[in-house]
Structure formats: C-alpha cells, structure tokens
Amino acid sequence: QTEFKFVPCYVNSRLTGMGIPVSCEVDIYGVLSEYIGICVSGAPVTLLDINNTVPASMYEKSIKGKYDYRLTETFMGFHCGNTCSNLLKNPHMGYQLIMKRDLEPDRAEPDITRGTLEGDIAASDITFYRLQSTADNKLRAYIAQGEVLPVASHSFGSIGVFAIPEMGRFYRHVLIEKNFPHHGAVAFGHYGKALYEVFKYIGVPVEDLNFNQPKGMMYPTENPFA
C-alpha cells in the first residue's frame, strides 16, 4: 500500500474468484490449503482469521434460541477483504480500517489504504480446514464442518458469524495446543470426507489429522473432570 497507494485485498478476491488462491501475510501453507479446497469443491474458497469471538450480547440477541449452538461454538471468521464477491452479501469497496489507524492517523479520509472488498459472508454450510507443517517438517492438518449463520456481523472486512459444533474444545485442544496459525481455509460446503482422504494421501499421519471431536469423545490432553 505504501508503494502502489492501495491495499491488495480486492485484487486478491478477484484472483481467488478465478480459481487462483491467494493468501496474505506470507502464509504459504494457507494458500496451499486453499488450492486443495478449490480442487475438492470446484468453487472459490477463502482464508480467514479464526481468532475473533462473537460478543455475548450479539449471541444473546441473534443466536441463542434460534440456532442450536452455544456461545463457545461460535466465532467470527474475518479478513480485511480478500473473499470472492460471490460469497458475500452486498459486497462493496472499502478501505483497510486497521491499516488506516496506523498509516494515516491524521487523515479524515483514507488515501493509501483503499482497496478492500467488504461484506458479510453469505449463510452456507462450510468446512474449516488447514494443512500445516511443524518446525521439524512433519505434516499435520485439521478439518471441521459447520456453517455460516445468517446473522449480521456489525463489523468490517470480509466477515461472517461461524458456528462449529464443540468449537471451544477444538480451538483449545487442536488449534492452540498444536500450534496452528490463526488463518483457516474455508470451503463452502461439507467436504470433510474428501479432505480427510486427500490429507491421508499426501502423507498426513492419521494421528495428526484432527477434527472437532463430538461431546463425549475426549482429546488426549482433555481433563476428564472439567
């Protein structure tokens, strides 16, 4: 953005819509995960931050009693604006709010931070997944099926309110404990069965092929008295 005077998010979203996966922040395994998802689903995928929670007030107002999920099973899948416009409700051009705060704090209007494609991600079945390597070159992966809820995010960027059964436990005992990055790939549909076989085929050991284990099926490090 400091060289070309705009952020690349909209360009990234166009490429992804053409079947050319793009990831931000030098996330090589993220873009490889996206490519696998494109091959499996035959449709655009995206790459989102997985570390944004749903506010309790939003859960109480828009989710509780309407959808069969607890607060800990919901989260915000977010990125600045790299998701294909076909996957968004009311997509529109915007600017990168976080970068503007750092790079243009004294400007009333954005200048070099324009170029995002923003909108809430449309409700859909989804598969959240990722292929990753450890520091000592061992492949591992995770797969979790869920959905994007038809709930307004009241936020910015390409963002959706996601729900995955037993997400809280999965986040703690897989994503954090096994040092997965904060980016997760998203395929729009339930493709867990196919992705599981692909990951096995390319050499991910079954013991490192993680999924969101249902209630009553404990993770190896889970406290049985919790």
Protein backbone atom coordinates (compact mmCIF):
# COMPACT_ATOMS: atom_id res chain seq x y z
CA GLN A 1 0.00 0.00 0.00
CA THR A 2 2.89 2.40 0.56
CA GLU A 3 4.27 1.67 -2.93
CA PHE A 4 1.13 1.26 -5.05
CA LYS A 5 -1.12 3.52 -2.93
CA PHE A 6 -3.83 0.93 -2.31
CA VAL A 7 -4.20 -2.33 -0.41
CA PRO A 8 -4.28 -5.57 -2.45
CA CYS A 9 -7.38 -7.15 -0.91
CA TYR A 10 -9.77 -6.53 -3.83
CA VAL A 11 -7.20 -7.87 -6.30
CA ASN A 12 -6.75 -10.95 -4.12
CA SER A 13 -10.51 -11.53 -4.06
CA ARG A 14 -10.72 -11.32 -7.85
CA LEU A 15 -7.90 -13.85 -8.25
CA THR A 16 -9.50 -16.23 -5.76
CA GLY A 17 -12.78 -15.99 -7.68
CA MET A 18 -10.88 -17.06 -10.81
CA GLY A 19 -9.58 -20.17 -9.05
CA ILE A 20 -6.16 -18.69 -8.27
CA PRO A 21 -5.79 -18.87 -4.47
CA VAL A 22 -4.10 -16.00 -2.69
CA SER A 23 -3.18 -15.68 0.98
CA CYS A 24 -1.99 -12.68 2.96
CA GLU A 25 0.90 -12.42 5.42
CA VAL A 26 3.22 -14.83 3.56
CA ASP A 27 1.03 -17.79 4.53
CA ILE A 28 2.37 -20.47 2.17
CA TYR A 29 0.51 -23.37 3.79
CA GLY A 30 -2.61 -21.22 3.82
CA VAL A 31 -2.55 -20.79 0.06
CA LEU A 32 -1.76 -24.49 -0.40
CA SER A 33 -4.76 -25.31 1.79
CA GLU A 34 -6.91 -23.01 -0.34
CA TYR A 35 -5.72 -24.73 -3.52
CA ILE A 36 -6.65 -28.13 -2.10
CA GLY A 37 -10.11 -26.79 -1.25
CA ILE A 38 -10.60 -25.41 -4.75
CA CYS A 39 -9.68 -28.80 -6.22
CA VAL A 40 -12.04 -30.64 -3.87
CA SER A 41 -15.02 -28.27 -4.08
CA GLY A 42 -14.63 -26.92 -7.62
CA ALA A 43 -15.54 -23.47 -6.32
CA PRO A 44 -13.89 -20.41 -4.71
CA VAL A 45 -12.66 -20.73 -1.15
CA THR A 46 -11.26 -18.17 1.28
CA LEU A 47 -8.74 -17.79 4.08
CA LEU A 48 -9.85 -16.15 7.32
CA ASP A 49 -8.65 -15.27 10.78
CA ILE A 50 -10.16 -17.70 13.27
CA ASN A 51 -9.36 -15.77 16.48
CA ASN A 52 -12.32 -13.37 16.71
CA THR A 53 -15.08 -14.17 19.20
CA VAL A 54 -18.78 -13.40 18.92
CA PRO A 55 -19.79 -10.82 21.58
CA ALA A 56 -22.06 -12.27 24.25
CA SER A 57 -24.63 -9.54 23.58
CA MET A 58 -24.80 -10.50 19.89
CA TYR A 59 -25.13 -14.17 20.80
CA GLU A 60 -27.99 -13.44 23.22
CA LYS A 61 -29.83 -11.26 20.72
CA SER A 62 -29.31 -13.04 17.40
CA ILE A 63 -28.24 -16.67 18.01
CA LYS A 64 -29.44 -18.07 21.34
CA GLY A 65 -32.75 -19.90 20.97
CA LYS A 66 -32.69 -19.52 17.18
CA TYR A 67 -29.80 -21.84 16.36
CA ASP A 68 -28.63 -24.90 18.25
CA TYR A 69 -25.20 -23.57 19.22
CA ARG A 70 -23.62 -22.42 22.46
CA LEU A 71 -21.62 -19.19 22.58
CA THR A 72 -18.36 -21.17 22.68
CA GLU A 73 -19.32 -22.88 19.42
CA THR A 74 -19.47 -19.58 17.52
CA PHE A 75 -16.75 -17.24 16.27
CA MET A 76 -16.14 -14.51 13.69
CA GLY A 77 -14.26 -15.61 10.58
CA PHE A 78 -12.60 -12.40 9.39
CA HIS A 79 -10.12 -10.92 6.98
CA CYS A 80 -9.55 -7.47 5.59
CA GLY A 81 -11.36 -8.09 2.30
CA ASN A 82 -9.87 -10.95 0.30
CA THR A 83 -13.01 -13.09 -0.11
CA CYS A 84 -14.59 -13.52 -3.55
CA SER A 85 -17.56 -11.18 -4.07
CA ASN A 86 -19.78 -14.16 -5.00
CA LEU A 87 -19.51 -15.34 -1.39
CA LEU A 88 -20.54 -12.03 0.17
CA LYS A 89 -23.86 -10.34 0.83
CA ASN A 90 -23.87 -6.78 -0.56
CA PRO A 91 -20.15 -6.69 -1.44
CA HIS A 92 -18.69 -3.20 -1.65
CA MET A 93 -15.34 -1.50 -1.96
CA GLY A 94 -13.88 0.00 1.19
CA TYR A 95 -10.63 0.75 2.95
CA GLN A 96 -8.48 -1.14 5.44
CA LEU A 97 -9.57 0.27 8.79
CA ILE A 98 -6.74 -1.24 10.84
CA MET A 99 -4.01 -0.04 8.46
CA LYS A 100 -5.58 3.41 8.29
CA ARG A 101 -5.25 3.76 12.05
CA ASP A 102 -1.50 3.03 11.80
CA LEU A 103 -0.55 4.62 8.47
CA GLU A 104 -2.97 7.52 8.15
CA PRO A 105 -3.95 8.53 11.69
CA ASP A 106 -4.24 12.23 10.83
CA ARG A 107 -6.28 11.85 7.64
CA ALA A 108 -10.06 12.24 7.79
CA GLU A 109 -10.43 10.25 4.56
CA PRO A 110 -8.37 7.18 3.61
CA ASP A 111 -5.79 7.51 0.87
CA ILE A 112 -3.34 4.63 0.50
CA THR A 113 -5.50 2.13 2.44
CA ARG A 114 -8.34 1.95 -0.07
CA GLY A 115 -8.86 -1.36 -1.87
CA THR A 116 -10.74 -3.82 0.33
CA LEU A 117 -13.80 -5.80 -0.73
CA GLU A 118 -16.14 -5.84 2.24
CA GLY A 119 -19.38 -7.51 3.20
CA ASP A 120 -20.86 -10.21 5.41
CA ILE A 121 -20.22 -13.75 4.19
CA ALA A 122 -23.46 -15.33 2.99
CA ALA A 123 -25.02 -18.12 5.04
CA SER A 124 -23.78 -21.52 3.91
CA ASP A 125 -22.52 -24.90 5.02
CA ILE A 126 -18.75 -24.68 5.40
CA THR A 127 -15.69 -26.78 6.05
CA PHE A 128 -12.93 -25.11 8.05
CA TYR A 129 -9.62 -26.85 7.44
CA ARG A 130 -5.87 -26.41 7.13
CA LEU A 131 -2.71 -28.26 6.13
CA GLN A 132 0.38 -27.24 8.08
CA SER A 133 3.96 -28.32 8.75
CA THR A 134 5.71 -28.32 12.11
CA ALA A 135 9.15 -26.78 12.61
CA ASP A 136 10.70 -30.24 12.20
CA ASN A 137 8.91 -30.84 8.87
CA LYS A 138 6.03 -33.07 9.98
CA LEU A 139 2.71 -32.58 8.25
CA ARG A 140 -0.46 -32.13 10.26
CA ALA A 141 -3.95 -30.95 9.42
CA TYR A 142 -7.41 -30.26 10.79
CA ILE A 143 -10.93 -30.41 9.40
CA ALA A 144 -14.15 -29.18 10.99
CA GLN A 145 -17.57 -28.90 9.38
CA GLY A 146 -20.09 -26.24 10.35
CA GLU A 147 -21.95 -23.31 8.88
CA VAL A 148 -22.06 -19.56 8.41
CA LEU A 149 -25.12 -18.25 10.23
CA PRO A 150 -27.45 -15.65 8.66
CA VAL A 151 -26.53 -13.19 11.41
CA ALA A 152 -25.29 -9.66 10.77
CA SER A 153 -21.68 -9.16 11.86
CA HIS A 154 -21.91 -5.41 12.58
CA SER A 155 -18.23 -5.22 11.68
CA PHE A 156 -15.93 -4.54 8.74
CA GLY A 157 -13.90 -6.54 6.24
CA SER A 158 -14.93 -9.86 4.72
CA ILE A 159 -16.52 -11.42 7.78
CA GLY A 160 -19.08 -13.97 8.85
CA VAL A 161 -20.60 -15.42 12.01
CA PHE A 162 -19.45 -19.06 12.00
CA ALA A 163 -20.71 -21.97 14.07
CA ILE A 164 -18.94 -25.31 14.50
CA PRO A 165 -20.10 -28.00 16.96
CA GLU A 166 -17.80 -28.23 20.01
CA MET A 167 -15.68 -25.38 18.64
CA GLY A 168 -14.42 -24.26 22.06
CA ARG A 169 -12.83 -27.63 22.82
CA PHE A 170 -11.49 -27.93 19.28
CA TYR A 171 -9.92 -24.46 19.49
CA ARG A 172 -8.24 -25.27 22.80
CA HIS A 173 -7.02 -28.82 22.20
CA VAL A 174 -6.17 -28.60 18.48
CA LEU A 175 -5.69 -25.07 17.16
CA ILE A 176 -3.84 -23.69 20.19
CA GLU A 177 -2.27 -26.80 21.66
CA LYS A 178 -0.86 -27.97 18.32
CA ASN A 179 0.39 -24.51 17.31
CA PHE A 180 -1.73 -23.98 14.23
CA PRO A 181 -1.59 -20.44 12.77
CA HIS A 182 -4.51 -18.05 13.13
CA HIS A 183 -5.54 -18.48 9.48
CA GLY A 184 -8.02 -21.18 8.49
CA ALA A 185 -9.14 -22.08 4.98
CA VAL A 186 -12.86 -22.20 4.28
CA ALA A 187 -14.59 -24.30 1.62
CA PHE A 188 -18.27 -23.55 1.11
CA GLY A 189 -19.99 -26.88 1.62
CA HIS A 190 -19.34 -30.01 3.67
CA TYR A 191 -16.19 -31.57 2.20
CA GLY A 192 -14.73 -33.20 5.30
CA LYS A 193 -14.83 -36.73 3.88
CA ALA A 194 -12.92 -35.80 0.72
CA LEU A 195 -10.41 -33.58 2.52
CA TYR A 196 -9.70 -36.32 5.05
CA GLU A 197 -8.76 -38.72 2.24
CA VAL A 198 -6.66 -36.08 0.46
CA PHE A 199 -4.68 -35.31 3.60
CA LYS A 200 -4.07 -39.02 4.21
CA TYR A 201 -2.98 -39.46 0.59
CA ILE A 202 -0.37 -36.69 0.76
CA GLY A 203 1.14 -38.10 3.94
CA VAL A 204 -0.53 -36.56 6.97
CA PRO A 205 -0.39 -39.23 9.73
CA VAL A 206 -3.84 -40.22 10.90
CA GLU A 207 -2.91 -39.32 14.48
CA ASP A 208 -2.22 -35.76 13.29
CA LEU A 209 -5.38 -35.47 11.19
CA ASN A 210 -7.50 -33.54 13.66
CA PHE A 211 -11.24 -32.87 13.72
CA ASN A 212 -13.76 -31.31 16.08
CA GLN A 213 -14.46 -34.25 18.33
CA PRO A 214 -18.08 -34.58 19.48
CA LYS A 215 -19.14 -34.34 23.10
CA GLY A 216 -18.12 -37.49 24.98
CA MET A 217 -15.11 -38.12 22.74
CA MET A 218 -12.17 -36.72 24.66
CA TYR A 219 -8.98 -35.20 23.30
CA PRO A 220 -5.80 -36.85 24.66
CA THR A 221 -4.99 -33.87 26.91
CA GLU A 222 -8.56 -33.03 27.93
CA ASN A 223 -9.27 -33.05 31.64
CA PRO A 224 -11.93 -35.70 32.35
CA PHE A 225 -13.10 -33.77 35.42
CA ALA A 226 -13.74 -30.49 33.62
